[in-house]
Amino acid sequence: MAIRIKARTGESAQQLLRRFKKLCEKEGLTKDVKRRAYYEKPSERKQRALRKSAKRAVTPTTRSR
């Protein structure tokens, strides 16, 4: 999916670029580009997914007081 941004009236180039970067970060585009920068073997991908799921299972999600 392409990210499109229209310039608002009176918006500088820096503000437009900041908004674009924020949208890319929100969509997970920058994280995906960094992840795909190097080849990852399928076995390494599975191990990373297992570590991530184990971390999620151990970490408490909410605190009750």
Protein backbone atom coordinates (compact mmCIF):
# COMPACT_ATOMS: atom_id res chain seq x y z
CA MET A 1 0.00 0.00 0.00
CA ALA A 2 1.37 3.38 -0.96
CA ILE A 3 1.43 6.12 1.65
CA ARG A 4 0.20 9.40 0.23
CA ILE A 5 0.32 12.76 1.95
CA LYS A 6 -1.03 16.04 0.67
CA ALA A 7 0.57 19.24 1.85
CA ARG A 8 -1.62 21.33 4.10
CA THR A 9 -1.89 25.05 3.51
CA GLY A 10 1.04 26.88 5.07
CA GLU A 11 2.87 23.63 5.91
CA SER A 12 6.64 23.65 5.52
CA ALA A 13 8.64 20.87 3.89
CA GLN A 14 10.05 19.84 7.28
CA GLN A 15 6.56 19.46 8.76
CA LEU A 16 5.42 17.46 5.74
CA LEU A 17 8.44 15.16 6.00
CA ARG A 18 7.87 14.71 9.75
CA ARG A 19 4.25 13.72 9.09
CA PHE A 20 5.34 11.28 6.37
CA LYS A 21 7.92 9.64 8.65
CA LYS A 22 5.37 9.30 11.42
CA LEU A 23 2.91 7.60 9.07
CA CYS A 24 5.61 5.21 7.82
CA GLU A 25 6.48 4.34 11.41
CA LYS A 26 2.83 3.78 12.28
CA GLU A 27 2.37 1.44 9.30
CA GLY A 28 5.47 -0.52 10.31
CA LEU A 29 7.20 0.27 7.05
CA THR A 30 10.54 1.32 8.55
CA LYS A 31 10.69 -1.77 10.76
CA ASP A 32 9.91 -3.98 7.77
CA VAL A 33 12.60 -2.36 5.63
CA LYS A 34 15.22 -2.85 8.36
CA ARG A 35 14.15 -6.47 8.83
CA ARG A 36 14.40 -7.21 5.10
CA ALA A 37 17.79 -5.53 4.70
CA TYR A 38 19.53 -8.87 5.26
CA TYR A 39 18.49 -12.40 4.38
CA GLU A 40 17.11 -14.37 7.29
CA LYS A 41 17.01 -18.15 7.08
CA PRO A 42 13.59 -19.72 7.67
CA SER A 43 14.91 -21.54 10.76
CA GLU A 44 16.11 -18.22 12.23
CA ARG A 45 12.73 -16.66 11.47
CA LYS A 46 10.96 -19.48 13.35
CA GLN A 47 13.31 -19.14 16.32
CA ARG A 48 12.71 -15.38 16.46
CA ALA A 49 8.95 -15.97 16.39
CA LEU A 50 9.24 -18.54 19.21
CA ARG A 51 11.29 -16.14 21.35
CA LYS A 52 8.76 -13.39 20.73
CA SER A 53 5.80 -15.59 21.71
CA ALA A 54 7.62 -16.86 24.81
CA LYS A 55 8.39 -13.29 25.84
CA ARG A 56 4.71 -12.38 25.41
CA ALA A 57 3.60 -15.35 27.53
CA VAL A 58 5.97 -14.52 30.40
CA THR A 59 5.53 -10.74 30.50
CA PRO A 60 2.50 -9.66 32.57
CA THR A 61 0.19 -7.53 30.46
CA THR A 62 -1.61 -5.56 33.15
CA ARG A 63 -1.13 -4.78 36.79
CA SER A 64 -4.00 -4.82 39.23
CA ARG A 65 -3.88 -2.71 42.36
